[in-house]
PDB file of N, CA and C in Angstrom:
ATOM      1  N   MET A   1     -23.490  72.455  79.320  1.00  0.00           N
ATOM      2  CA  MET A   1     -24.479  73.453  79.680  1.00  0.00           C
ATOM      3  C   MET A   1     -23.774  74.771  79.988  1.00  0.00           C
ATOM      4  N   ALA A   2     -24.260  75.826  79.432  1.00  0.00           N
ATOM      5  CA  ALA A   2     -23.656  77.144  79.625  1.00  0.00           C
ATOM      6  C   ALA A   2     -23.963  77.686  81.017  1.00  0.00           C
ATOM      7  N   THR A   3     -22.993  78.410  81.548  1.00  0.00           N
ATOM      8  CA  THR A   3     -23.184  79.041  82.849  1.00  0.00           C
ATOM      9  C   THR A   3     -23.929  80.351  82.662  1.00  0.00           C
ATOM     10  N   LYS A   4     -24.896  80.585  83.495  1.00  0.00           N
ATOM     11  CA  LYS A   4     -25.671  81.822  83.421  1.00  0.00           C
ATOM     12  C   LYS A   4     -24.903  82.930  84.135  1.00  0.00           C
ATOM     13  N   ILE A   5     -24.807  84.079  83.503  1.00  0.00           N
ATOM     14  CA  ILE A   5     -24.082  85.224  84.055  1.00  0.00           C
ATOM     15  C   ILE A   5     -25.069  86.329  84.390  1.00  0.00           C
ATOM     16  N   ASP A   6     -24.935  86.857  85.580  1.00  0.00           N
ATOM     17  CA  ASP A   6     -25.757  87.993  85.986  1.00  0.00           C
ATOM     18  C   ASP A   6     -25.081  89.263  85.474  1.00  0.00           C
ATOM     19  N   LEU A   7     -25.619  89.847  84.406  1.00  0.00           N
ATOM     20  CA  LEU A   7     -24.998  91.016  83.786  1.00  0.00           C
ATOM     21  C   LEU A   7     -24.928  92.213  84.720  1.00  0.00           C
ATOM     22  N   ALA A   8     -25.757  92.258  85.725  1.00  0.00           N
ATOM     23  CA  ALA A   8     -25.716  93.353  86.694  1.00  0.00           C
ATOM     24  C   ALA A   8     -24.420  93.326  87.498  1.00  0.00           C
ATOM     25  N   GLN A   9     -23.773  92.161  87.572  1.00  0.00           N
ATOM     26  CA  GLN A   9     -22.536  92.036  88.335  1.00  0.00           C
ATOM     27  C   GLN A   9     -21.287  92.271  87.492  1.00  0.00           C
ATOM     28  N   VAL A  10     -21.443  92.387  86.194  1.00  0.00           N
ATOM     29  CA  VAL A  10     -20.312  92.624  85.309  1.00  0.00           C
ATOM     30  C   VAL A  10     -19.917  94.093  85.401  1.00  0.00           C
ATOM     31  N   LYS A  11     -18.627  94.334  85.671  1.00  0.00           N
ATOM     32  CA  LYS A  11     -18.149  95.708  85.814  1.00  0.00           C
ATOM     33  C   LYS A  11     -17.498  96.181  84.517  1.00  0.00           C
ATOM     34  N   ARG A  12     -17.835  97.379  84.127  1.00  0.00           N
ATOM     35  CA  ARG A  12     -17.258  97.983  82.931  1.00  0.00           C
ATOM     36  C   ARG A  12     -15.820  98.388  83.233  1.00  0.00           C
ATOM     37  N   VAL A  13     -14.905  98.003  82.347  1.00  0.00           N
ATOM     38  CA  VAL A  13     -13.506  98.384  82.525  1.00  0.00           C
ATOM     39  C   VAL A  13     -13.054  99.385  81.464  1.00  0.00           C
ATOM     40  N   LEU A  14     -13.784  99.443  80.350  1.00  0.00           N
ATOM     41  CA  LEU A  14     -13.480 100.390  79.276  1.00  0.00           C
ATOM     42  C   LEU A  14     -14.776 100.997  78.762  1.00  0.00           C
ATOM     43  N   SER A  15     -14.698 102.247  78.406  1.00  0.00           N
ATOM     44  CA  SER A  15     -15.848 102.887  77.776  1.00  0.00           C
ATOM     45  C   SER A  15     -15.836 102.585  76.280  1.00  0.00           C
ATOM     46  N   ARG A  16     -16.923 102.862  75.638  1.00  0.00           N
ATOM     47  CA  ARG A  16     -17.000 102.692  74.177  1.00  0.00           C
ATOM     48  C   ARG A  16     -15.935 103.553  73.494  1.00  0.00           C
ATOM     49  N   GLU A  17     -15.738 104.766  74.007  1.00  0.00           N
ATOM     50  CA  GLU A  17     -14.741 105.666  73.449  1.00  0.00           C
ATOM     51  C   GLU A  17     -13.338 105.085  73.604  1.00  0.00           C
ATOM     52  N   ASP A  18     -13.070 104.468  74.763  1.00  0.00           N
ATOM     53  CA  ASP A  18     -11.761 103.829  74.981  1.00  0.00           C
ATOM     54  C   ASP A  18     -11.515 102.736  73.946  1.00  0.00           C
ATOM     55  N   ILE A  19     -12.531 101.948  73.697  1.00  0.00           N
ATOM     56  CA  ILE A  19     -12.399 100.848  72.737  1.00  0.00           C
ATOM     57  C   ILE A  19     -12.129 101.386  71.334  1.00  0.00           C
ATOM     58  N   PHE A  20     -12.837 102.427  70.921  1.00  0.00           N
ATOM     59  CA  PHE A  20     -12.605 103.020  69.600  1.00  0.00           C
ATOM     60  C   PHE A  20     -11.205 103.634  69.517  1.00  0.00           C
ATOM     61  N   LYS A  21     -10.752 104.249  70.591  1.00  0.00           N
ATOM     62  CA  LYS A  21      -9.417 104.865  70.633  1.00  0.00           C
ATOM     63  C   LYS A  21      -8.341 103.788  70.504  1.00  0.00           C
ATOM     64  N   ILE A  22      -8.487 102.717  71.260  1.00  0.00           N
ATOM     65  CA  ILE A  22      -7.517 101.621  71.202  1.00  0.00           C
ATOM     66  C   ILE A  22      -7.528 100.979  69.818  1.00  0.00           C
ATOM     67  N   SER A  23      -8.695 100.801  69.245  1.00  0.00           N
ATOM     68  CA  SER A  23      -8.812 100.228  67.911  1.00  0.00           C
ATOM     69  C   SER A  23      -8.061 101.080  66.886  1.00  0.00           C
ATOM     70  N   LYS A  24      -8.208 102.387  66.979  1.00  0.00           N
ATOM     71  CA  LYS A  24      -7.507 103.303  66.069  1.00  0.00           C
ATOM     72  C   LYS A  24      -5.998 103.225  66.292  1.00  0.00           C
ATOM     73  N   GLU A  25      -5.575 103.154  67.546  1.00  0.00           N
ATOM     74  CA  GLU A  25      -4.151 103.052  67.843  1.00  0.00           C
ATOM     75  C   GLU A  25      -3.564 101.756  67.295  1.00  0.00           C
ATOM     76  N   ILE A  26      -4.325 100.677  67.350  1.00  0.00           N
ATOM     77  CA  ILE A  26      -3.867  99.404  66.781  1.00  0.00           C
ATOM     78  C   ILE A  26      -3.733  99.522  65.268  1.00  0.00           C
ATOM     79  N   GLU A  27      -4.680 100.191  64.623  1.00  0.00           N
ATOM     80  CA  GLU A  27      -4.597 100.400  63.168  1.00  0.00           C
ATOM     81  C   GLU A  27      -3.329 101.153  62.792  1.00  0.00           C
ATOM     82  N   ASP A  28      -2.856 102.034  63.666  1.00  0.00           N
ATOM     83  CA  ASP A  28      -1.681 102.858  63.375  1.00  0.00           C
ATOM     84  C   ASP A  28      -0.353 102.146  63.597  1.00  0.00           C
ATOM     85  N   VAL A  29      -0.382 100.933  64.162  1.00  0.00           N
ATOM     86  CA  VAL A  29       0.851 100.165  64.351  1.00  0.00           C
ATOM     87  C   VAL A  29       1.391  99.779  62.976  1.00  0.00           C
ATOM     88  N   HIS A  30       2.677 100.009  62.760  1.00  0.00           N
ATOM     89  CA  HIS A  30       3.311  99.682  61.478  1.00  0.00           C
ATOM     90  C   HIS A  30       3.808  98.238  61.503  1.00  0.00           C
ATOM     91  N   ILE A  31       3.493  97.494  60.463  1.00  0.00           N
ATOM     92  CA  ILE A  31       3.974  96.126  60.302  1.00  0.00           C
ATOM     93  C   ILE A  31       5.063  96.139  59.240  1.00  0.00           C
ATOM     94  N   ASP A  32       6.234  95.651  59.602  1.00  0.00           N
ATOM     95  CA  ASP A  32       7.368  95.606  58.694  1.00  0.00           C
ATOM     96  C   ASP A  32       7.044  94.758  57.459  1.00  0.00           C
ATOM     97  N   SER A  33       7.553  95.150  56.312  1.00  0.00           N
ATOM     98  CA  SER A  33       7.250  94.435  55.066  1.00  0.00           C
ATOM     99  C   SER A  33       7.755  92.993  55.108  1.00  0.00           C
ATOM    100  N   GLU A  34       8.812  92.726  55.856  1.00  0.00           N
ATOM    101  CA  GLU A  34       9.306  91.358  55.985  1.00  0.00           C
ATOM    102  C   GLU A  34       8.280  90.473  56.698  1.00  0.00           C
ATOM    103  N   LEU A  35       7.619  91.023  57.707  1.00  0.00           N
ATOM    104  CA  LEU A  35       6.571  90.274  58.406  1.00  0.00           C
ATOM    105  C   LEU A  35       5.357  90.092  57.502  1.00  0.00           C
ATOM    106  N   GLU A  36       5.021  91.114  56.727  1.00  0.00           N
ATOM    107  CA  GLU A  36       3.915  90.973  55.780  1.00  0.00           C
ATOM    108  C   GLU A  36       4.193  89.822  54.819  1.00  0.00           C
ATOM    109  N   GLY A  37       5.428  89.764  54.315  1.00  0.00           N
ATOM    110  CA  GLY A  37       5.817  88.683  53.408  1.00  0.00           C
ATOM    111  C   GLY A  37       5.744  87.323  54.075  1.00  0.00           C
ATOM    112  N   TYR A  38       6.131  87.267  55.344  1.00  0.00           N
ATOM    113  CA  TYR A  38       6.064  86.025  56.105  1.00  0.00           C
ATOM    114  C   TYR A  38       4.618  85.542  56.234  1.00  0.00           C
ATOM    115  N   ILE A  39       3.722  86.472  56.512  1.00  0.00           N
ATOM    116  CA  ILE A  39       2.300  86.120  56.628  1.00  0.00           C
ATOM    117  C   ILE A  39       1.785  85.551  55.304  1.00  0.00           C
ATOM    118  N   VAL A  40       2.116  86.205  54.204  1.00  0.00           N
ATOM    119  CA  VAL A  40       1.684  85.731  52.882  1.00  0.00           C
ATOM    120  C   VAL A  40       2.260  84.342  52.607  1.00  0.00           C
ATOM    121  N   ASP A  41       3.563  84.156  52.892  1.00  0.00           N
ATOM    122  CA  ASP A  41       4.194  82.849  52.674  1.00  0.00           C
ATOM    123  C   ASP A  41       3.552  81.765  53.534  1.00  0.00           C
ATOM    124  N   LEU A  42       3.245  82.104  54.770  1.00  0.00           N
ATOM    125  CA  LEU A  42       2.618  81.145  55.683  1.00  0.00           C
ATOM    126  C   LEU A  42       1.246  80.711  55.174  1.00  0.00           C
ATOM    127  N   ILE A  43       0.452  81.667  54.733  1.00  0.00           N
ATOM    128  CA  ILE A  43      -0.884  81.350  54.217  1.00  0.00           C
ATOM    129  C   ILE A  43      -0.773  80.529  52.933  1.00  0.00           C
ATOM    130  N   ARG A  44       0.145  80.909  52.053  1.00  0.00           N
ATOM    131  CA  ARG A  44       0.333  80.140  50.803  1.00  0.00           C
ATOM    132  C   ARG A  44       0.749  78.708  51.093  1.00  0.00           C
ATOM    133  N   ALA A  45       1.602  78.528  52.097  1.00  0.00           N
ATOM    134  CA  ALA A  45       2.078  77.183  52.447  1.00  0.00           C
ATOM    135  C   ALA A  45       0.921  76.271  52.862  1.00  0.00           C
ATOM    136  N   THR A  46      -0.110  76.852  53.448  1.00  0.00           N
ATOM    137  CA  THR A  46      -1.262  76.019  53.851  1.00  0.00           C
ATOM    138  C   THR A  46      -2.068  75.565  52.647  1.00  0.00           C
ATOM    139  N   ARG A  47      -1.868  76.198  51.521  1.00  0.00           N
ATOM    140  CA  ARG A  47      -2.623  75.843  50.313  1.00  0.00           C
ATOM    141  C   ARG A  47      -1.927  74.767  49.474  1.00  0.00           C
ATOM    142  N   GLU A  48      -0.683  74.453  49.832  1.00  0.00           N
ATOM    143  CA  GLU A  48       0.059  73.405  49.129  1.00  0.00           C
ATOM    144  C   GLU A  48      -0.480  72.042  49.571  1.00  0.00           C
ATOM    145  N   PRO A  49      -0.440  71.056  48.673  1.00  0.00           N
ATOM    146  CA  PRO A  49      -0.898  69.723  49.063  1.00  0.00           C
ATOM    147  C   PRO A  49      -0.152  69.240  50.308  1.00  0.00           C
ATOM    148  N   ASN A  50      -0.922  68.767  51.287  1.00  0.00           N
ATOM    149  CA  ASN A  50      -0.332  68.372  52.559  1.00  0.00           C
ATOM    150  C   ASN A  50      -1.262  67.352  53.205  1.00  0.00           C
ATOM    151  N   GLU A  51      -0.693  66.248  53.664  1.00  0.00           N
ATOM    152  CA  GLU A  51      -1.530  65.200  54.263  1.00  0.00           C
ATOM    153  C   GLU A  51      -2.113  65.615  55.609  1.00  0.00           C
ATOM    154  N   ASN A  52      -1.572  66.658  56.230  1.00  0.00           N
ATOM    155  CA  ASN A  52      -2.053  67.111  57.533  1.00  0.00           C
ATOM    156  C   ASN A  52      -3.132  68.187  57.450  1.00  0.00           C
ATOM    157  N   LEU A  53      -3.296  68.765  56.275  1.00  0.00           N
ATOM    158  CA  LEU A  53      -4.287  69.829  56.098  1.00  0.00           C
ATOM    159  C   LEU A  53      -5.259  69.452  55.004  1.00  0.00           C
ATOM    160  N   ARG A  54      -6.517  69.586  55.294  1.00  0.00           N
ATOM    161  CA  ARG A  54      -7.526  69.287  54.286  1.00  0.00           C
ATOM    162  C   ARG A  54      -7.777  70.510  53.410  1.00  0.00           C
ATOM    163  N   TYR A  55      -7.843  71.681  54.047  1.00  0.00           N
ATOM    164  CA  TYR A  55      -8.094  72.935  53.319  1.00  0.00           C
ATOM    165  C   TYR A  55      -7.070  73.973  53.743  1.00  0.00           C
ATOM    166  N   GLY A  56      -6.687  74.820  52.814  1.00  0.00           N
ATOM    167  CA  GLY A  56      -5.744  75.885  53.121  1.00  0.00           C
ATOM    168  C   GLY A  56      -6.440  77.115  53.678  1.00  0.00           C
ATOM    169  N   ALA A  57      -5.642  77.972  54.257  1.00  0.00           N
ATOM    170  CA  ALA A  57      -6.157  79.224  54.817  1.00  0.00           C
ATOM    171  C   ALA A  57      -6.543  80.168  53.681  1.00  0.00           C
ATOM    172  N   GLY A  58      -7.568  80.942  53.905  1.00  0.00           N
ATOM    173  CA  GLY A  58      -8.057  81.867  52.892  1.00  0.00           C
ATOM    174  C   GLY A  58      -7.556  83.290  53.116  1.00  0.00           C
ATOM    175  N   THR A  59      -8.043  84.167  52.283  1.00  0.00           N
ATOM    176  CA  THR A  59      -7.660  85.574  52.341  1.00  0.00           C
ATOM    177  C   THR A  59      -7.957  86.185  53.703  1.00  0.00           C
ATOM    178  N   ARG A  60      -9.106  85.858  54.262  1.00  0.00           N
ATOM    179  CA  ARG A  60      -9.470  86.418  55.571  1.00  0.00           C
ATOM    180  C   ARG A  60      -8.514  85.974  56.665  1.00  0.00           C
ATOM    181  N   ALA A  61      -7.960  84.772  56.512  1.00  0.00           N
ATOM    182  CA  ALA A  61      -6.985  84.301  57.502  1.00  0.00           C
ATOM    183  C   ALA A  61      -5.738  85.180  57.487  1.00  0.00           C
ATOM    184  N   SER A  62      -5.290  85.559  56.301  1.00  0.00           N
ATOM    185  CA  SER A  62      -4.100  86.423  56.222  1.00  0.00           C
ATOM    186  C   SER A  62      -4.405  87.813  56.779  1.00  0.00           C
ATOM    187  N   ILE A  63      -5.583  88.319  56.496  1.00  0.00           N
ATOM    188  CA  ILE A  63      -5.979  89.629  57.028  1.00  0.00           C
ATOM    189  C   ILE A  63      -6.063  89.572  58.553  1.00  0.00           C
ATOM    190  N   ASP A  64      -6.653  88.505  59.077  1.00  0.00           N
ATOM    191  CA  ASP A  64      -6.789  88.376  60.529  1.00  0.00           C
ATOM    192  C   ASP A  64      -5.438  88.175  61.207  1.00  0.00           C
ATOM    193  N   LEU A  65      -4.531  87.429  60.585  1.00  0.00           N
ATOM    194  CA  LEU A  65      -3.189  87.254  61.145  1.00  0.00           C
ATOM    195  C   LEU A  65      -2.442  88.587  61.151  1.00  0.00           C
ATOM    196  N   TYR A  66      -2.623  89.377  60.100  1.00  0.00           N
ATOM    197  CA  TYR A  66      -2.031  90.712  60.014  1.00  0.00           C
ATOM    198  C   TYR A  66      -2.564  91.606  61.138  1.00  0.00           C
ATOM    199  N   ARG A  67      -3.865  91.597  61.318  1.00  0.00           N
ATOM    200  CA  ARG A  67      -4.482  92.403  62.387  1.00  0.00           C
ATOM    201  C   ARG A  67      -4.063  91.913  63.768  1.00  0.00           C
ATOM    202  N   ALA A  68      -3.983  90.602  63.936  1.00  0.00           N
ATOM    203  CA  ALA A  68      -3.554  90.036  65.223  1.00  0.00           C
ATOM    204  C   ALA A  68      -2.115  90.433  65.531  1.00  0.00           C
ATOM    205  N   SER A  69      -1.276  90.491  64.505  1.00  0.00           N
ATOM    206  CA  SER A  69       0.117  90.926  64.695  1.00  0.00           C
ATOM    207  C   SER A  69       0.164  92.364  65.187  1.00  0.00           C
ATOM    208  N   LYS A  70      -0.684  93.211  64.621  1.00  0.00           N
ATOM    209  CA  LYS A  70      -0.756  94.605  65.055  1.00  0.00           C
ATOM    210  C   LYS A  70      -1.231  94.693  66.504  1.00  0.00           C
ATOM    211  N   ALA A  71      -2.259  93.929  66.842  1.00  0.00           N
ATOM    212  CA  ALA A  71      -2.799  93.953  68.202  1.00  0.00           C
ATOM    213  C   ALA A  71      -1.761  93.426  69.199  1.00  0.00           C
ATOM    214  N   HIS A  72      -1.060  92.379  68.822  1.00  0.00           N
ATOM    215  CA  HIS A  72      -0.019  91.825  69.694  1.00  0.00           C
ATOM    216  C   HIS A  72       1.071  92.854  69.938  1.00  0.00           C
ATOM    217  N   SER A  73       1.481  93.532  68.885  1.00  0.00           N
ATOM    218  CA  SER A  73       2.491  94.581  69.013  1.00  0.00           C
ATOM    219  C   SER A  73       2.002  95.700  69.920  1.00  0.00           C
ATOM    220  N   TYR A  74       0.760  96.093  69.750  1.00  0.00           N
ATOM    221  CA  TYR A  74       0.168  97.154  70.570  1.00  0.00           C
ATOM    222  C   TYR A  74       0.176  96.756  72.048  1.00  0.00           C
ATOM    223  N   ILE A  75      -0.235  95.536  72.317  1.00  0.00           N
ATOM    224  CA  ILE A  75      -0.273  95.052  73.699  1.00  0.00           C
ATOM    225  C   ILE A  75       1.129  95.036  74.300  1.00  0.00           C
ATOM    226  N   ASP A  76       2.132  94.710  73.478  1.00  0.00           N
ATOM    227  CA  ASP A  76       3.525  94.713  73.941  1.00  0.00           C
ATOM    228  C   ASP A  76       4.104  96.114  74.046  1.00  0.00           C
ATOM    229  N   GLY A  77       3.316  97.123  73.652  1.00  0.00           N
ATOM    230  CA  GLY A  77       3.774  98.504  73.761  1.00  0.00           C
ATOM    231  C   GLY A  77       4.682  98.961  72.639  1.00  0.00           C
ATOM    232  N   LYS A  78       4.594  98.305  71.495  1.00  0.00           N
ATOM    233  CA  LYS A  78       5.440  98.668  70.351  1.00  0.00           C
ATOM    234  C   LYS A  78       4.587  99.323  69.270  1.00  0.00           C
ATOM    235  N   SER A  79       5.185 100.293  68.585  1.00  0.00           N
ATOM    236  CA  SER A  79       4.467 100.939  67.488  1.00  0.00           C
ATOM    237  C   SER A  79       4.964 100.425  66.132  1.00  0.00           C
ATOM    238  N   LEU A  80       5.924  99.500  66.172  1.00  0.00           N
ATOM    239  CA  LEU A  80       6.492  98.915  64.966  1.00  0.00           C
ATOM    240  C   LEU A  80       6.639  97.425  65.215  1.00  0.00           C
ATOM    241  N   TYR A  81       6.226  96.613  64.273  1.00  0.00           N
ATOM    242  CA  TYR A  81       6.318  95.179  64.435  1.00  0.00           C
ATOM    243  C   TYR A  81       7.266  94.627  63.389  1.00  0.00           C
ATOM    244  N   LEU A  82       8.354  94.020  63.850  1.00  0.00           N
ATOM    245  CA  LEU A  82       9.355  93.437  62.968  1.00  0.00           C
ATOM    246  C   LEU A  82       9.295  91.924  63.066  1.00  0.00           C
ATOM    247  N   LEU A  83       9.714  91.238  62.014  1.00  0.00           N
ATOM    248  CA  LEU A  83       9.717  89.783  62.021  1.00  0.00           C
ATOM    249  C   LEU A  83      10.620  89.243  63.116  1.00  0.00           C
ATOM    250  N   ALA A  84      11.724  89.921  63.403  1.00  0.00           N
ATOM    251  CA  ALA A  84      12.642  89.472  64.449  1.00  0.00           C
ATOM    252  C   ALA A  84      11.970  89.460  65.816  1.00  0.00           C
ATOM    253  N   ILE A  85      11.018  90.354  66.039  1.00  0.00           N
ATOM    254  CA  ILE A  85      10.298  90.429  67.305  1.00  0.00           C
ATOM    255  C   ILE A  85       9.300  89.285  67.379  1.00  0.00           C
ATOM    256  N   PHE A  86       8.675  88.986  66.242  1.00  0.00           N
ATOM    257  CA  PHE A  86       7.630  87.977  66.150  1.00  0.00           C
ATOM    258  C   PHE A  86       8.220  86.628  66.459  1.00  0.00           C
TER     259      PHE A  86
END
C-alpha cells in the first residue's frame, strides 16, 4: 500500500529555472570517446547469446547510460568524464 503524502508539507528546493539550468550544464559535460566506446561495447555484449540474459539492452539503454555518465560527472563536479574516472 502506498503512503499518502501531504503535498503542502513538501518544500521546494529548486526552482524550475534551476532545473533547466542544471539540465543544460549536464548536457555540456564532455564524455571522452574511450568511455563512449566502452558504453557501446557494454551494450553490444548484452546482445550476445548468454544464459544469464534473456534480452539484450537496446539503443535507449546506451543513450540513458551515456546521459547517466554525464549526470554522474556533473554531480562529482567534473566537466570532463574519462573512462579512468568511471
